[in-house]
N, C-alpha and C. Protein backbone atom coordinates (compact mmCIF):
# COMPACT_ATOMS: atom_id res chain seq x y z
N MET A 1 -19.36 -24.28 31.15
CA MET A 1 -19.07 -23.26 30.17
C MET A 1 -20.10 -22.13 30.33
N SER A 2 -19.61 -20.90 30.41
CA SER A 2 -20.51 -19.75 30.56
C SER A 2 -21.25 -19.50 29.24
N ASP A 3 -22.32 -18.71 29.33
CA ASP A 3 -23.07 -18.37 28.12
C ASP A 3 -22.19 -17.66 27.10
N GLN A 4 -21.31 -16.76 27.57
CA GLN A 4 -20.42 -16.04 26.66
C GLN A 4 -19.43 -17.00 25.99
N GLU A 5 -18.90 -17.94 26.76
CA GLU A 5 -17.97 -18.93 26.18
C GLU A 5 -18.69 -19.81 25.16
N LYS A 6 -19.91 -20.18 25.47
CA LYS A 6 -20.71 -21.00 24.56
C LYS A 6 -20.98 -20.23 23.26
N ARG A 7 -21.39 -18.96 23.39
CA ARG A 7 -21.64 -18.13 22.21
C ARG A 7 -20.38 -17.97 21.38
N SER A 8 -19.26 -17.76 22.04
CA SER A 8 -17.98 -17.61 21.36
C SER A 8 -17.62 -18.89 20.60
N SER A 9 -17.87 -20.02 21.22
CA SER A 9 -17.60 -21.31 20.59
C SER A 9 -18.50 -21.52 19.36
N ILE A 10 -19.76 -21.12 19.47
CA ILE A 10 -20.69 -21.23 18.34
C ILE A 10 -20.23 -20.34 17.20
N ILE A 11 -19.82 -19.11 17.51
CA ILE A 11 -19.34 -18.19 16.47
C ILE A 11 -18.11 -18.79 15.78
N GLN A 12 -17.21 -19.36 16.56
CA GLN A 12 -16.00 -19.98 15.98
C GLN A 12 -16.38 -21.12 15.04
N GLU A 13 -17.27 -21.98 15.45
CA GLU A 13 -17.68 -23.12 14.61
C GLU A 13 -18.49 -22.68 13.39
N LEU A 14 -19.27 -21.60 13.55
CA LEU A 14 -19.96 -21.03 12.39
C LEU A 14 -18.93 -20.52 11.37
N GLY A 15 -17.84 -19.95 11.87
CA GLY A 15 -16.76 -19.50 10.99
C GLY A 15 -16.14 -20.65 10.21
N VAL A 16 -15.95 -21.78 10.87
CA VAL A 16 -15.42 -22.98 10.19
C VAL A 16 -16.39 -23.40 9.08
N ALA A 17 -17.68 -23.45 9.40
CA ALA A 17 -18.68 -23.85 8.42
C ALA A 17 -18.75 -22.84 7.27
N TYR A 18 -18.64 -21.56 7.59
CA TYR A 18 -18.65 -20.50 6.57
C TYR A 18 -17.53 -20.72 5.56
N TRP A 19 -16.31 -20.93 6.06
CA TRP A 19 -15.18 -21.14 5.15
C TRP A 19 -15.33 -22.43 4.34
N MET A 20 -15.91 -23.45 4.93
CA MET A 20 -16.14 -24.70 4.19
C MET A 20 -17.06 -24.42 3.00
N GLU A 21 -18.11 -23.64 3.24
CA GLU A 21 -19.06 -23.32 2.17
C GLU A 21 -18.40 -22.47 1.09
N ILE A 22 -17.62 -21.48 1.49
CA ILE A 22 -16.93 -20.61 0.52
C ILE A 22 -15.96 -21.42 -0.33
N GLU A 23 -15.21 -22.30 0.31
CA GLU A 23 -14.25 -23.13 -0.43
C GLU A 23 -14.97 -24.07 -1.37
N THR A 24 -16.09 -24.61 -0.94
CA THR A 24 -16.89 -25.48 -1.80
C THR A 24 -17.37 -24.72 -3.02
N VAL A 25 -17.83 -23.49 -2.83
CA VAL A 25 -18.26 -22.65 -3.95
C VAL A 25 -17.10 -22.50 -4.95
N MET A 26 -15.92 -22.17 -4.47
CA MET A 26 -14.76 -22.00 -5.37
C MET A 26 -14.48 -23.28 -6.15
N ASN A 27 -14.47 -24.40 -5.45
CA ASN A 27 -14.13 -25.66 -6.10
C ASN A 27 -15.24 -26.17 -7.03
N PHE A 28 -16.50 -25.93 -6.66
CA PHE A 28 -17.59 -26.32 -7.55
C PHE A 28 -17.54 -25.49 -8.83
N ILE A 29 -17.23 -24.21 -8.72
CA ILE A 29 -17.12 -23.37 -9.92
C ILE A 29 -15.99 -23.88 -10.81
N SER A 30 -14.82 -24.09 -10.24
CA SER A 30 -13.68 -24.52 -11.08
C SER A 30 -13.94 -25.88 -11.72
N ASN A 31 -14.47 -26.82 -10.96
CA ASN A 31 -14.73 -28.14 -11.53
C ASN A 31 -15.88 -28.13 -12.53
N SER A 32 -16.86 -27.27 -12.34
CA SER A 32 -17.99 -27.21 -13.28
C SER A 32 -17.56 -26.61 -14.61
N ILE A 33 -16.46 -25.91 -14.62
CA ILE A 33 -15.96 -25.32 -15.86
C ILE A 33 -14.83 -26.17 -16.46
N ASN A 34 -13.97 -26.73 -15.63
CA ASN A 34 -12.78 -27.44 -16.11
C ASN A 34 -13.07 -28.84 -16.67
N LEU A 35 -14.08 -29.53 -16.17
CA LEU A 35 -14.33 -30.89 -16.63
C LEU A 35 -14.67 -30.92 -18.11
N ASP A 36 -14.18 -31.94 -18.78
CA ASP A 36 -14.43 -32.13 -20.22
C ASP A 36 -15.03 -33.50 -20.47
N GLY A 37 -15.72 -33.62 -21.58
CA GLY A 37 -16.24 -34.91 -22.02
C GLY A 37 -17.74 -35.02 -21.87
N VAL A 38 -18.31 -35.90 -22.67
CA VAL A 38 -19.76 -36.11 -22.67
C VAL A 38 -20.23 -36.57 -21.30
N ARG A 39 -19.47 -37.46 -20.67
CA ARG A 39 -19.86 -38.00 -19.37
C ARG A 39 -19.80 -36.94 -18.27
N ALA A 40 -19.12 -35.84 -18.52
CA ALA A 40 -18.97 -34.80 -17.51
C ALA A 40 -20.14 -33.82 -17.47
N GLU A 41 -20.95 -33.79 -18.51
CA GLU A 41 -21.97 -32.74 -18.62
C GLU A 41 -22.96 -32.73 -17.46
N GLU A 42 -23.45 -33.88 -17.05
CA GLU A 42 -24.42 -33.91 -15.95
C GLU A 42 -23.78 -33.50 -14.62
N ILE A 43 -22.53 -33.89 -14.43
CA ILE A 43 -21.81 -33.53 -13.21
C ILE A 43 -21.59 -32.02 -13.19
N LYS A 44 -21.18 -31.47 -14.32
CA LYS A 44 -20.96 -30.02 -14.42
C LYS A 44 -22.25 -29.25 -14.13
N ALA A 45 -23.35 -29.71 -14.69
CA ALA A 45 -24.63 -29.03 -14.48
C ALA A 45 -25.04 -29.09 -13.01
N SER A 46 -24.82 -30.24 -12.37
CA SER A 46 -25.16 -30.39 -10.97
C SER A 46 -24.30 -29.47 -10.10
N LEU A 47 -23.01 -29.42 -10.39
CA LEU A 47 -22.11 -28.55 -9.63
C LEU A 47 -22.52 -27.08 -9.79
N GLN A 48 -22.85 -26.68 -11.01
CA GLN A 48 -23.26 -25.30 -11.25
C GLN A 48 -24.52 -24.96 -10.46
N ALA A 49 -25.47 -25.88 -10.43
CA ALA A 49 -26.70 -25.65 -9.66
C ALA A 49 -26.42 -25.59 -8.17
N ASP A 50 -25.51 -26.42 -7.68
CA ASP A 50 -25.20 -26.48 -6.25
C ASP A 50 -24.42 -25.25 -5.77
N VAL A 51 -23.75 -24.54 -6.68
CA VAL A 51 -23.01 -23.34 -6.29
C VAL A 51 -23.94 -22.36 -5.58
N GLN A 52 -25.13 -22.17 -6.12
CA GLN A 52 -26.07 -21.21 -5.53
C GLN A 52 -26.50 -21.64 -4.13
N ALA A 53 -26.74 -22.94 -3.94
CA ALA A 53 -27.14 -23.44 -2.63
C ALA A 53 -26.02 -23.25 -1.61
N GLU A 54 -24.79 -23.56 -2.01
CA GLU A 54 -23.65 -23.43 -1.10
C GLU A 54 -23.38 -21.96 -0.78
N LEU A 55 -23.54 -21.09 -1.76
CA LEU A 55 -23.36 -19.67 -1.54
C LEU A 55 -24.42 -19.13 -0.58
N LEU A 56 -25.65 -19.59 -0.72
CA LEU A 56 -26.71 -19.20 0.20
C LEU A 56 -26.39 -19.66 1.62
N HIS A 57 -25.85 -20.86 1.76
CA HIS A 57 -25.43 -21.33 3.09
C HIS A 57 -24.39 -20.37 3.68
N ALA A 58 -23.39 -20.02 2.88
CA ALA A 58 -22.32 -19.13 3.36
C ALA A 58 -22.89 -17.78 3.78
N GLN A 59 -23.81 -17.24 2.99
CA GLN A 59 -24.41 -15.95 3.33
C GLN A 59 -25.24 -16.04 4.62
N THR A 60 -25.97 -17.12 4.77
CA THR A 60 -26.79 -17.31 5.97
C THR A 60 -25.90 -17.45 7.20
N LEU A 61 -24.82 -18.21 7.08
CA LEU A 61 -23.88 -18.36 8.19
C LEU A 61 -23.23 -17.03 8.54
N ALA A 62 -22.86 -16.26 7.53
CA ALA A 62 -22.22 -14.96 7.76
C ALA A 62 -23.17 -14.03 8.53
N LYS A 63 -24.43 -14.01 8.12
CA LYS A 63 -25.41 -13.16 8.82
C LYS A 63 -25.55 -13.60 10.28
N ARG A 64 -25.53 -14.92 10.51
CA ARG A 64 -25.68 -15.42 11.88
C ARG A 64 -24.46 -15.07 12.73
N ILE A 65 -23.27 -15.17 12.15
CA ILE A 65 -22.05 -14.77 12.86
C ILE A 65 -22.18 -13.32 13.33
N LYS A 66 -22.59 -12.45 12.43
CA LYS A 66 -22.75 -11.03 12.74
C LYS A 66 -23.82 -10.83 13.82
N THR A 67 -24.97 -11.52 13.67
CA THR A 67 -26.06 -11.39 14.63
C THR A 67 -25.61 -11.79 16.04
N LEU A 68 -24.77 -12.79 16.14
CA LEU A 68 -24.29 -13.27 17.44
C LEU A 68 -23.17 -12.41 18.02
N GLY A 69 -22.76 -11.39 17.27
CA GLY A 69 -21.74 -10.48 17.79
C GLY A 69 -20.35 -10.75 17.26
N GLY A 70 -20.24 -11.66 16.31
CA GLY A 70 -18.94 -11.95 15.72
C GLY A 70 -18.67 -11.07 14.51
N THR A 71 -17.51 -11.26 13.93
CA THR A 71 -17.12 -10.55 12.71
C THR A 71 -16.94 -11.58 11.60
N VAL A 72 -17.60 -11.35 10.49
CA VAL A 72 -17.45 -12.26 9.35
C VAL A 72 -16.03 -12.07 8.80
N PRO A 73 -15.28 -13.15 8.68
CA PRO A 73 -13.88 -13.03 8.27
C PRO A 73 -13.73 -12.66 6.79
N GLY A 74 -12.63 -12.00 6.49
CA GLY A 74 -12.27 -11.68 5.12
C GLY A 74 -11.29 -12.70 4.57
N SER A 75 -10.92 -12.53 3.32
CA SER A 75 -10.10 -13.52 2.62
C SER A 75 -8.73 -13.76 3.24
N ALA A 76 -8.21 -12.79 3.97
CA ALA A 76 -6.87 -12.96 4.57
C ALA A 76 -6.84 -14.10 5.58
N SER A 77 -7.99 -14.47 6.13
CA SER A 77 -8.00 -15.56 7.11
C SER A 77 -8.41 -16.90 6.50
N PHE A 78 -8.54 -16.94 5.19
CA PHE A 78 -8.93 -18.19 4.53
C PHE A 78 -7.75 -19.16 4.47
N VAL A 79 -8.02 -20.43 4.80
CA VAL A 79 -7.04 -21.50 4.69
C VAL A 79 -7.70 -22.64 3.92
N SER A 80 -7.12 -23.02 2.81
CA SER A 80 -7.66 -24.09 1.98
C SER A 80 -7.55 -25.43 2.69
N ARG A 81 -8.63 -26.23 2.62
CA ARG A 81 -8.64 -27.55 3.27
C ARG A 81 -9.14 -28.68 2.35
N GLN A 82 -9.76 -28.32 1.24
CA GLN A 82 -10.39 -29.33 0.38
C GLN A 82 -9.44 -29.85 -0.70
N SER A 83 -8.40 -30.54 -0.27
CA SER A 83 -7.44 -31.05 -1.26
C SER A 83 -8.08 -32.05 -2.21
N SER A 84 -9.07 -32.81 -1.74
CA SER A 84 -9.69 -33.83 -2.59
C SER A 84 -10.62 -33.23 -3.65
N LEU A 85 -10.95 -31.96 -3.53
CA LEU A 85 -11.87 -31.34 -4.48
C LEU A 85 -11.16 -30.39 -5.44
N GLN A 86 -9.83 -30.42 -5.43
CA GLN A 86 -9.09 -29.60 -6.37
C GLN A 86 -9.30 -30.13 -7.79
N PRO A 87 -9.28 -29.25 -8.79
CA PRO A 87 -9.45 -29.74 -10.16
C PRO A 87 -8.42 -30.82 -10.49
N PRO A 88 -8.89 -31.92 -11.08
CA PRO A 88 -7.96 -33.02 -11.40
C PRO A 88 -6.98 -32.63 -12.50
N LYS A 89 -5.83 -33.31 -12.52
CA LYS A 89 -4.83 -33.05 -13.57
C LYS A 89 -5.41 -33.34 -14.96
N LYS A 90 -6.24 -34.38 -15.03
CA LYS A 90 -6.89 -34.77 -16.28
C LYS A 90 -8.34 -34.26 -16.24
N ASN A 91 -8.69 -33.38 -17.18
CA ASN A 91 -10.02 -32.76 -17.17
C ASN A 91 -11.17 -33.74 -17.42
N THR A 92 -10.85 -34.96 -17.78
CA THR A 92 -11.90 -35.96 -17.99
C THR A 92 -12.04 -36.89 -16.78
N ASP A 93 -11.31 -36.62 -15.71
CA ASP A 93 -11.35 -37.45 -14.50
C ASP A 93 -12.57 -37.07 -13.65
N VAL A 94 -13.73 -37.46 -14.14
CA VAL A 94 -14.99 -37.13 -13.49
C VAL A 94 -15.11 -37.83 -12.14
N VAL A 95 -14.63 -39.05 -12.03
CA VAL A 95 -14.76 -39.82 -10.80
C VAL A 95 -14.05 -39.14 -9.63
N SER A 96 -12.86 -38.58 -9.87
CA SER A 96 -12.16 -37.91 -8.76
C SER A 96 -12.94 -36.69 -8.29
N VAL A 97 -13.60 -36.00 -9.20
CA VAL A 97 -14.43 -34.86 -8.81
C VAL A 97 -15.62 -35.33 -7.99
N ILE A 98 -16.28 -36.38 -8.45
CA ILE A 98 -17.43 -36.94 -7.72
C ILE A 98 -17.00 -37.34 -6.30
N LYS A 99 -15.88 -38.05 -6.19
CA LYS A 99 -15.39 -38.45 -4.87
C LYS A 99 -15.02 -37.25 -4.01
N GLY A 100 -14.47 -36.21 -4.64
CA GLY A 100 -14.13 -34.98 -3.92
C GLY A 100 -15.37 -34.29 -3.38
N VAL A 101 -16.44 -34.27 -4.19
CA VAL A 101 -17.70 -33.68 -3.74
C VAL A 101 -18.25 -34.45 -2.54
N ILE A 102 -18.22 -35.77 -2.63
CA ILE A 102 -18.74 -36.60 -1.53
C ILE A 102 -17.95 -36.33 -0.26
N GLN A 103 -16.63 -36.23 -0.37
CA GLN A 103 -15.79 -35.96 0.80
C GLN A 103 -16.10 -34.57 1.37
N ALA A 104 -16.29 -33.57 0.51
CA ALA A 104 -16.63 -32.22 0.97
C ALA A 104 -17.98 -32.22 1.68
N GLU A 105 -18.94 -32.95 1.11
CA GLU A 105 -20.27 -33.03 1.73
C GLU A 105 -20.19 -33.76 3.07
N ASP A 106 -19.39 -34.81 3.14
CA ASP A 106 -19.20 -35.52 4.42
C ASP A 106 -18.66 -34.57 5.49
N SER A 107 -17.69 -33.74 5.11
CA SER A 107 -17.11 -32.78 6.05
C SER A 107 -18.14 -31.75 6.50
N ALA A 108 -18.93 -31.26 5.55
CA ALA A 108 -19.97 -30.28 5.88
C ALA A 108 -21.02 -30.90 6.80
N ILE A 109 -21.41 -32.13 6.51
CA ILE A 109 -22.38 -32.84 7.35
C ILE A 109 -21.85 -32.97 8.77
N ALA A 110 -20.59 -33.34 8.91
CA ALA A 110 -19.98 -33.48 10.23
C ALA A 110 -19.95 -32.13 10.96
N GLN A 111 -19.62 -31.07 10.24
CA GLN A 111 -19.55 -29.75 10.87
C GLN A 111 -20.93 -29.27 11.31
N TYR A 112 -21.93 -29.49 10.46
CA TYR A 112 -23.29 -29.07 10.86
C TYR A 112 -23.81 -29.90 12.04
N ASN A 113 -23.51 -31.18 12.06
CA ASN A 113 -23.89 -32.01 13.21
C ASN A 113 -23.22 -31.50 14.49
N LYS A 114 -21.95 -31.11 14.38
CA LYS A 114 -21.22 -30.57 15.53
C LYS A 114 -21.90 -29.30 16.04
N LEU A 115 -22.27 -28.42 15.11
CA LEU A 115 -22.94 -27.18 15.49
C LEU A 115 -24.31 -27.43 16.10
N ILE A 116 -25.05 -28.36 15.53
CA ILE A 116 -26.39 -28.69 16.05
C ILE A 116 -26.29 -29.14 17.50
N LYS A 117 -25.32 -29.99 17.80
CA LYS A 117 -25.12 -30.46 19.18
C LYS A 117 -24.67 -29.31 20.10
N LEU A 118 -23.77 -28.49 19.60
CA LEU A 118 -23.25 -27.36 20.37
C LEU A 118 -24.36 -26.37 20.73
N CYS A 119 -25.29 -26.18 19.82
CA CYS A 119 -26.38 -25.22 20.02
C CYS A 119 -27.54 -25.76 20.84
N ASP A 120 -27.61 -27.07 21.00
CA ASP A 120 -28.78 -27.69 21.62
C ASP A 120 -29.09 -27.11 23.00
N GLY A 121 -30.32 -26.65 23.16
CA GLY A 121 -30.76 -26.09 24.42
C GLY A 121 -30.24 -24.70 24.71
N PHE A 122 -29.51 -24.09 23.76
CA PHE A 122 -28.89 -22.79 24.00
C PHE A 122 -29.22 -21.78 22.91
N ASP A 123 -29.04 -22.18 21.65
CA ASP A 123 -29.21 -21.26 20.52
C ASP A 123 -30.03 -21.96 19.45
N TYR A 124 -31.33 -21.85 19.58
CA TYR A 124 -32.25 -22.56 18.68
C TYR A 124 -32.25 -21.99 17.26
N VAL A 125 -32.00 -20.71 17.12
CA VAL A 125 -31.99 -20.11 15.78
C VAL A 125 -30.82 -20.67 14.97
N THR A 126 -29.62 -20.65 15.56
CA THR A 126 -28.46 -21.21 14.87
C THR A 126 -28.66 -22.70 14.62
N GLN A 127 -29.22 -23.38 15.60
CA GLN A 127 -29.48 -24.81 15.44
C GLN A 127 -30.40 -25.06 14.25
N ASP A 128 -31.45 -24.26 14.11
CA ASP A 128 -32.39 -24.41 13.01
C ASP A 128 -31.71 -24.15 11.66
N ILE A 129 -30.88 -23.12 11.61
CA ILE A 129 -30.13 -22.82 10.38
C ILE A 129 -29.26 -24.02 9.99
N CYS A 130 -28.60 -24.59 10.98
CA CYS A 130 -27.70 -25.73 10.73
C CYS A 130 -28.46 -26.99 10.35
N ILE A 131 -29.63 -27.20 10.93
CA ILE A 131 -30.45 -28.36 10.56
C ILE A 131 -30.88 -28.25 9.10
N THR A 132 -31.29 -27.06 8.69
CA THR A 132 -31.70 -26.85 7.30
C THR A 132 -30.53 -27.09 6.35
N ALA A 133 -29.37 -26.52 6.67
CA ALA A 133 -28.18 -26.70 5.83
C ALA A 133 -27.76 -28.17 5.80
N LEU A 134 -27.87 -28.85 6.94
CA LEU A 134 -27.53 -30.27 7.02
C LEU A 134 -28.38 -31.07 6.03
N GLY A 135 -29.68 -30.79 6.00
CA GLY A 135 -30.56 -31.48 5.06
C GLY A 135 -30.13 -31.26 3.61
N ASP A 136 -29.76 -30.03 3.29
CA ASP A 136 -29.29 -29.72 1.93
C ASP A 136 -28.02 -30.50 1.59
N GLU A 137 -27.08 -30.53 2.53
CA GLU A 137 -25.81 -31.22 2.30
C GLU A 137 -26.04 -32.73 2.14
N GLU A 138 -26.96 -33.28 2.92
CA GLU A 138 -27.27 -34.70 2.79
C GLU A 138 -27.88 -35.00 1.42
N GLU A 139 -28.71 -34.10 0.92
CA GLU A 139 -29.27 -34.28 -0.43
C GLU A 139 -28.19 -34.23 -1.49
N HIS A 140 -27.28 -33.26 -1.39
CA HIS A 140 -26.18 -33.15 -2.36
C HIS A 140 -25.32 -34.42 -2.32
N ARG A 141 -25.03 -34.89 -1.12
CA ARG A 141 -24.21 -36.10 -0.97
C ARG A 141 -24.91 -37.29 -1.63
N ARG A 142 -26.20 -37.45 -1.39
CA ARG A 142 -26.96 -38.56 -1.97
C ARG A 142 -26.92 -38.52 -3.49
N GLU A 143 -27.07 -37.33 -4.04
CA GLU A 143 -27.02 -37.17 -5.49
C GLU A 143 -25.67 -37.64 -6.05
N PHE A 144 -24.58 -37.24 -5.40
CA PHE A 144 -23.26 -37.62 -5.90
C PHE A 144 -22.91 -39.07 -5.59
N MET A 145 -23.48 -39.64 -4.54
CA MET A 145 -23.33 -41.08 -4.31
C MET A 145 -23.99 -41.84 -5.46
N GLY A 146 -25.11 -41.33 -5.94
CA GLY A 146 -25.78 -41.94 -7.10
C GLY A 146 -24.91 -41.87 -8.34
N PHE A 147 -24.30 -40.71 -8.57
CA PHE A 147 -23.39 -40.56 -9.72
C PHE A 147 -22.23 -41.56 -9.60
N LEU A 148 -21.68 -41.67 -8.39
CA LEU A 148 -20.53 -42.56 -8.19
C LEU A 148 -20.93 -44.01 -8.46
N SER A 149 -22.10 -44.41 -8.01
CA SER A 149 -22.51 -45.80 -8.23
C SER A 149 -22.64 -46.11 -9.72
N GLU A 150 -23.06 -45.15 -10.51
CA GLU A 150 -23.13 -45.35 -11.97
C GLU A 150 -21.74 -45.54 -12.56
N TYR A 151 -20.77 -44.78 -12.08
CA TYR A 151 -19.41 -44.85 -12.61
C TYR A 151 -18.67 -46.10 -12.15
N GLU A 152 -19.04 -46.62 -11.00
CA GLU A 152 -18.32 -47.78 -10.46
C GLU A 152 -18.91 -49.11 -10.92
N GLU A 153 -20.02 -49.08 -11.65
CA GLU A 153 -20.61 -50.34 -12.15
C GLU A 153 -19.83 -50.88 -13.33
């Protein structure tokens, strides 16, 4: 693979990660507002706090796409993929939201790992950005795994 093909592939995968972060922001906002009940309060607060982290990831990825010579996509190219993180039919269904967050974090972790491998030995700046984001996603996942274990006891 030529350097240009490699760069193009990195830009494409950064775009995938960018849209994942944007979609997560949308779903975290909706779920942090839609959930009802006493048991939902901690989950809502965590989602609200995580919105800023996910938005920062999206902004960082967008800047990197531009720096590498790509174009940050607009909303017309957005395709929804997070079916498991859609607001539940029942606003008190906290467990489905928790499981949706875990699934979204798993997907983000997989995408960042893919980018880290793709960048290895070629694009250390993008690799570093992805390693940092990976650590954040792993922390978010661990937090929600803890919430899930409380609900499943």
